[in-house]
């Protein structure tokens, strides 16, 4: 709820919807785990044989990067990586222990 409220305050009356064409159920035959959307790009994280793969498109649908590892995304598109990095967990064992949250 707080995230939505912050998004509304930051974006004002701008349209918060992402065109359906920018989202895909599979990319290059790999199932999509999640789509992360920011003001400039839609980053789709798909399954890969040795870990997740990242594909980035502009909001207009132009493919900027496809099938990259996180390190490749960091090296080739540091601007996209900087926006993506806070939203991902590099450690699959990371979790929130509800019992310890006050």
N, C-alpha and C. Protein backbone atom coordinates (compact mmCIF):
# COMPACT_ATOMS: atom_id res chain seq x y z
N UNK A 1 0.83 -1.19 0.00
CA UNK A 1 0.00 0.00 0.00
C UNK A 1 0.87 1.25 0.00
N UNK A 2 1.91 1.25 0.83
CA UNK A 2 2.80 2.40 0.90
C UNK A 2 3.52 2.62 -0.42
N UNK A 3 3.93 1.53 -1.07
CA UNK A 3 4.61 1.65 -2.36
C UNK A 3 3.71 2.31 -3.38
N UNK A 4 2.47 1.90 -3.44
CA UNK A 4 1.52 2.49 -4.37
C UNK A 4 1.31 3.96 -4.06
N UNK A 5 1.18 4.29 -2.80
CA UNK A 5 1.00 5.68 -2.40
C UNK A 5 2.20 6.52 -2.80
N UNK A 6 3.40 6.00 -2.58
CA UNK A 6 4.62 6.71 -2.98
C UNK A 6 4.65 6.88 -4.48
N UNK A 7 4.29 5.83 -5.23
CA UNK A 7 4.28 5.91 -6.69
C UNK A 7 3.31 6.99 -7.16
N UNK A 8 2.16 7.07 -6.54
CA UNK A 8 1.18 8.09 -6.93
C UNK A 8 1.67 9.49 -6.63
N UNK A 9 2.33 9.67 -5.49
CA UNK A 9 2.85 10.98 -5.13
C UNK A 9 3.98 11.38 -6.06
N UNK A 10 4.89 10.45 -6.36
CA UNK A 10 6.04 10.74 -7.21
C UNK A 10 5.61 10.98 -8.65
N UNK A 11 4.69 10.15 -9.15
CA UNK A 11 4.32 10.22 -10.56
C UNK A 11 3.17 11.17 -10.84
N UNK A 12 2.46 11.57 -9.82
CA UNK A 12 1.33 12.46 -10.04
C UNK A 12 0.25 11.80 -10.85
N UNK A 13 -0.21 12.48 -11.90
CA UNK A 13 -1.29 11.97 -12.73
C UNK A 13 -0.80 11.17 -13.93
N UNK A 14 0.51 10.89 -14.00
CA UNK A 14 1.04 10.14 -15.13
C UNK A 14 0.44 8.74 -15.16
N UNK A 15 0.31 8.19 -16.35
CA UNK A 15 -0.22 6.84 -16.51
C UNK A 15 0.79 5.83 -15.98
N UNK A 16 0.41 5.02 -14.99
CA UNK A 16 1.30 4.05 -14.38
C UNK A 16 1.25 2.69 -15.06
N UNK A 17 0.40 2.54 -16.05
CA UNK A 17 0.28 1.25 -16.72
C UNK A 17 1.41 1.02 -17.71
N UNK A 18 1.80 -0.25 -17.84
CA UNK A 18 2.81 -0.65 -18.82
C UNK A 18 2.08 -1.30 -19.98
N UNK A 19 2.40 -0.93 -21.23
CA UNK A 19 1.72 -1.56 -22.36
C UNK A 19 1.90 -3.08 -22.33
N UNK A 20 0.83 -3.81 -22.60
CA UNK A 20 0.89 -5.27 -22.57
C UNK A 20 1.92 -5.81 -23.54
N UNK A 21 2.16 -5.09 -24.63
CA UNK A 21 3.14 -5.53 -25.62
C UNK A 21 4.55 -5.53 -25.05
N UNK A 22 4.79 -4.74 -24.02
CA UNK A 22 6.12 -4.68 -23.42
C UNK A 22 6.39 -5.88 -22.51
N UNK A 23 5.33 -6.57 -22.11
CA UNK A 23 5.46 -7.74 -21.23
C UNK A 23 5.22 -9.01 -22.03
N UNK A 24 5.99 -10.03 -21.76
CA UNK A 24 5.85 -11.29 -22.49
C UNK A 24 5.86 -12.45 -21.51
N UNK A 25 5.08 -13.53 -21.80
CA UNK A 25 5.08 -14.69 -20.92
C UNK A 25 6.37 -15.50 -21.03
N UNK A 26 7.07 -15.38 -22.17
CA UNK A 26 8.35 -16.07 -22.38
C UNK A 26 9.20 -15.22 -23.30
N UNK A 27 10.50 -15.28 -23.09
CA UNK A 27 11.44 -14.55 -23.93
C UNK A 27 12.47 -15.55 -24.42
N UNK A 28 12.60 -15.64 -25.73
CA UNK A 28 13.51 -16.61 -26.36
C UNK A 28 13.27 -18.02 -25.82
N UNK A 29 12.00 -18.36 -25.57
CA UNK A 29 11.64 -19.68 -25.11
C UNK A 29 11.86 -19.93 -23.62
N UNK A 30 12.37 -18.92 -22.89
CA UNK A 30 12.61 -19.08 -21.45
C UNK A 30 11.45 -18.45 -20.69
N UNK A 31 10.90 -19.17 -19.70
CA UNK A 31 9.80 -18.61 -18.90
C UNK A 31 10.25 -17.36 -18.14
N UNK A 32 9.36 -16.40 -18.05
CA UNK A 32 9.64 -15.16 -17.33
C UNK A 32 9.36 -15.36 -15.85
N UNK A 33 10.31 -14.96 -15.01
CA UNK A 33 10.14 -15.02 -13.57
C UNK A 33 9.39 -13.77 -13.10
N UNK A 34 9.86 -12.61 -13.56
CA UNK A 34 9.27 -11.35 -13.14
C UNK A 34 9.63 -10.25 -14.13
N UNK A 35 8.77 -9.24 -14.21
CA UNK A 35 9.05 -8.02 -14.96
C UNK A 35 9.23 -6.91 -13.95
N UNK A 36 10.33 -6.20 -14.01
CA UNK A 36 10.55 -5.04 -13.15
C UNK A 36 10.44 -3.79 -14.01
N UNK A 37 9.57 -2.90 -13.60
CA UNK A 37 9.24 -1.73 -14.42
C UNK A 37 9.69 -0.46 -13.72
N UNK A 38 10.42 0.37 -14.44
CA UNK A 38 10.72 1.71 -13.92
C UNK A 38 10.31 2.72 -14.98
N UNK A 39 10.62 3.95 -14.76
CA UNK A 39 10.17 5.01 -15.65
C UNK A 39 10.68 4.83 -17.08
N UNK A 40 11.91 4.31 -17.24
CA UNK A 40 12.54 4.25 -18.56
C UNK A 40 12.52 2.86 -19.20
N UNK A 41 12.59 1.80 -18.39
CA UNK A 41 12.77 0.45 -18.92
C UNK A 41 11.86 -0.57 -18.25
N UNK A 42 11.67 -1.67 -18.96
CA UNK A 42 11.05 -2.87 -18.42
C UNK A 42 12.13 -3.93 -18.48
N UNK A 43 12.53 -4.45 -17.32
CA UNK A 43 13.54 -5.50 -17.26
C UNK A 43 12.83 -6.80 -16.93
N UNK A 44 12.98 -7.77 -17.81
CA UNK A 44 12.36 -9.08 -17.61
C UNK A 44 13.45 -10.05 -17.18
N UNK A 45 13.18 -10.77 -16.09
CA UNK A 45 14.12 -11.77 -15.61
C UNK A 45 13.54 -13.13 -15.97
N UNK A 46 14.34 -13.91 -16.70
CA UNK A 46 13.90 -15.23 -17.15
C UNK A 46 14.80 -16.30 -16.55
N UNK A 47 14.34 -17.54 -16.65
CA UNK A 47 15.16 -18.65 -16.21
C UNK A 47 16.24 -18.90 -17.25
N UNK A 48 17.36 -19.42 -16.79
CA UNK A 48 18.46 -19.76 -17.69
C UNK A 48 19.10 -21.04 -17.22
N UNK A 49 19.91 -21.67 -18.06
CA UNK A 49 20.52 -22.95 -17.69
C UNK A 49 21.46 -22.84 -16.49
N UNK A 50 22.07 -21.67 -16.30
CA UNK A 50 23.02 -21.52 -15.19
C UNK A 50 22.66 -20.32 -14.32
N UNK A 51 21.39 -19.95 -14.29
CA UNK A 51 20.96 -18.83 -13.47
C UNK A 51 20.06 -17.89 -14.25
N UNK A 52 19.59 -16.85 -13.60
CA UNK A 52 18.67 -15.92 -14.25
C UNK A 52 19.32 -15.16 -15.41
N UNK A 53 18.51 -14.79 -16.38
CA UNK A 53 18.93 -13.97 -17.53
C UNK A 53 18.07 -12.72 -17.56
N UNK A 54 18.65 -11.63 -18.00
CA UNK A 54 18.01 -10.33 -17.95
C UNK A 54 17.83 -9.77 -19.36
N UNK A 55 16.62 -9.31 -19.65
CA UNK A 55 16.31 -8.66 -20.91
C UNK A 55 15.71 -7.30 -20.58
N UNK A 56 16.20 -6.25 -21.24
CA UNK A 56 15.71 -4.90 -20.98
C UNK A 56 15.13 -4.31 -22.26
N UNK A 57 13.99 -3.66 -22.09
CA UNK A 57 13.33 -2.94 -23.18
C UNK A 57 13.03 -1.54 -22.70
N UNK A 58 12.97 -0.62 -23.65
CA UNK A 58 12.50 0.72 -23.31
C UNK A 58 11.00 0.64 -23.10
N UNK A 59 10.42 1.67 -22.53
CA UNK A 59 8.96 1.69 -22.35
C UNK A 59 8.24 1.62 -23.69
N UNK A 60 8.92 2.03 -24.76
CA UNK A 60 8.33 1.96 -26.09
C UNK A 60 8.44 0.59 -26.73
N UNK A 61 9.17 -0.34 -26.09
CA UNK A 61 9.27 -1.71 -26.60
C UNK A 61 10.56 -2.01 -27.35
N UNK A 62 11.48 -1.06 -27.46
CA UNK A 62 12.75 -1.30 -28.14
C UNK A 62 13.66 -2.13 -27.24
N UNK A 63 14.14 -3.26 -27.75
CA UNK A 63 15.01 -4.14 -26.97
C UNK A 63 16.40 -3.51 -26.86
N UNK A 64 16.86 -3.36 -25.63
CA UNK A 64 18.16 -2.77 -25.34
C UNK A 64 19.18 -3.86 -25.05
N UNK A 65 18.75 -4.91 -24.34
CA UNK A 65 19.63 -6.02 -23.97
C UNK A 65 18.78 -7.28 -23.88
N UNK A 66 19.36 -8.40 -24.23
CA UNK A 66 18.59 -9.64 -24.16
C UNK A 66 19.46 -10.82 -23.72
N UNK A 67 18.93 -11.61 -22.80
CA UNK A 67 19.58 -12.83 -22.37
C UNK A 67 20.90 -12.66 -21.65
N UNK A 68 21.09 -11.53 -20.97
CA UNK A 68 22.36 -11.27 -20.29
C UNK A 68 22.36 -11.80 -18.86
N UNK A 69 23.53 -12.20 -18.39
CA UNK A 69 23.68 -12.51 -16.97
C UNK A 69 23.70 -11.17 -16.23
N UNK A 70 23.60 -11.22 -14.92
CA UNK A 70 23.63 -9.99 -14.14
C UNK A 70 24.96 -9.25 -14.33
N UNK A 71 26.07 -9.99 -14.37
CA UNK A 71 27.38 -9.37 -14.57
C UNK A 71 27.48 -8.73 -15.95
N UNK A 72 26.95 -9.38 -16.98
CA UNK A 72 26.95 -8.80 -18.32
C UNK A 72 26.10 -7.54 -18.37
N UNK A 73 24.95 -7.57 -17.71
CA UNK A 73 24.10 -6.38 -17.65
C UNK A 73 24.84 -5.24 -16.96
N UNK A 74 25.52 -5.56 -15.87
CA UNK A 74 26.29 -4.55 -15.14
C UNK A 74 27.39 -3.95 -16.01
N UNK A 75 28.09 -4.79 -16.76
CA UNK A 75 29.19 -4.31 -17.60
C UNK A 75 28.71 -3.54 -18.83
N UNK A 76 27.66 -4.03 -19.47
CA UNK A 76 27.22 -3.45 -20.75
C UNK A 76 26.21 -2.32 -20.61
N UNK A 77 25.42 -2.35 -19.54
CA UNK A 77 24.37 -1.34 -19.34
C UNK A 77 24.34 -0.91 -17.87
N UNK A 78 25.38 -0.21 -17.42
CA UNK A 78 25.45 0.15 -15.99
C UNK A 78 24.29 1.02 -15.52
N UNK A 79 23.72 1.84 -16.40
CA UNK A 79 22.59 2.68 -16.01
C UNK A 79 21.37 1.83 -15.66
N UNK A 80 21.10 0.80 -16.44
CA UNK A 80 19.97 -0.09 -16.16
C UNK A 80 20.27 -0.91 -14.90
N UNK A 81 21.50 -1.40 -14.78
CA UNK A 81 21.90 -2.19 -13.61
C UNK A 81 21.72 -1.40 -12.32
N UNK A 82 22.12 -0.13 -12.31
CA UNK A 82 22.01 0.69 -11.10
C UNK A 82 20.56 0.83 -10.65
N UNK A 83 19.65 0.90 -11.58
CA UNK A 83 18.23 1.00 -11.23
C UNK A 83 17.66 -0.35 -10.80
N UNK A 84 18.20 -1.43 -11.36
CA UNK A 84 17.71 -2.76 -11.08
C UNK A 84 18.26 -3.32 -9.78
N UNK A 85 19.49 -3.04 -9.49
CA UNK A 85 20.20 -3.67 -8.37
C UNK A 85 19.46 -3.60 -7.02
N UNK A 86 18.89 -2.47 -6.62
CA UNK A 86 18.20 -2.43 -5.33
C UNK A 86 16.97 -3.35 -5.26
N UNK A 87 16.45 -3.77 -6.40
CA UNK A 87 15.22 -4.56 -6.42
C UNK A 87 15.48 -6.06 -6.42
N UNK A 88 16.74 -6.48 -6.49
CA UNK A 88 17.03 -7.91 -6.58
C UNK A 88 17.86 -8.38 -5.39
N UNK A 89 17.79 -9.68 -5.15
CA UNK A 89 18.60 -10.30 -4.10
C UNK A 89 19.60 -11.23 -4.76
N UNK A 90 20.87 -11.02 -4.50
CA UNK A 90 21.91 -11.87 -5.07
C UNK A 90 22.00 -13.20 -4.33
N UNK A 91 21.43 -13.26 -3.13
CA UNK A 91 21.50 -14.46 -2.32
C UNK A 91 20.12 -15.11 -2.27
N UNK A 92 20.00 -16.27 -2.88
CA UNK A 92 18.71 -16.95 -2.94
C UNK A 92 18.21 -17.36 -1.56
N UNK A 93 19.10 -17.42 -0.58
CA UNK A 93 18.68 -17.82 0.76
C UNK A 93 18.18 -16.63 1.58
N UNK A 94 18.30 -15.42 1.02
CA UNK A 94 17.85 -14.23 1.75
C UNK A 94 16.34 -14.32 1.95
N UNK A 95 15.90 -14.03 3.18
CA UNK A 95 14.47 -14.07 3.47
C UNK A 95 14.16 -13.13 4.61
N UNK A 96 12.92 -12.82 4.76
CA UNK A 96 12.46 -11.98 5.85
C UNK A 96 11.87 -12.88 6.92
N UNK A 97 12.42 -12.83 8.11
CA UNK A 97 11.91 -13.63 9.22
C UNK A 97 10.86 -12.80 9.96
N UNK A 98 9.60 -13.11 9.70
CA UNK A 98 8.49 -12.34 10.23
C UNK A 98 8.53 -12.28 11.76
N UNK A 99 8.99 -13.34 12.40
CA UNK A 99 8.99 -13.39 13.86
C UNK A 99 9.91 -12.34 14.49
N UNK A 100 10.91 -11.87 13.75
CA UNK A 100 11.85 -10.91 14.31
C UNK A 100 11.53 -9.47 13.96
N UNK A 101 10.51 -9.25 13.15
CA UNK A 101 10.14 -7.89 12.75
C UNK A 101 9.22 -7.28 13.80
N UNK A 102 9.56 -6.07 14.27
CA UNK A 102 8.72 -5.40 15.26
C UNK A 102 7.67 -4.55 14.60
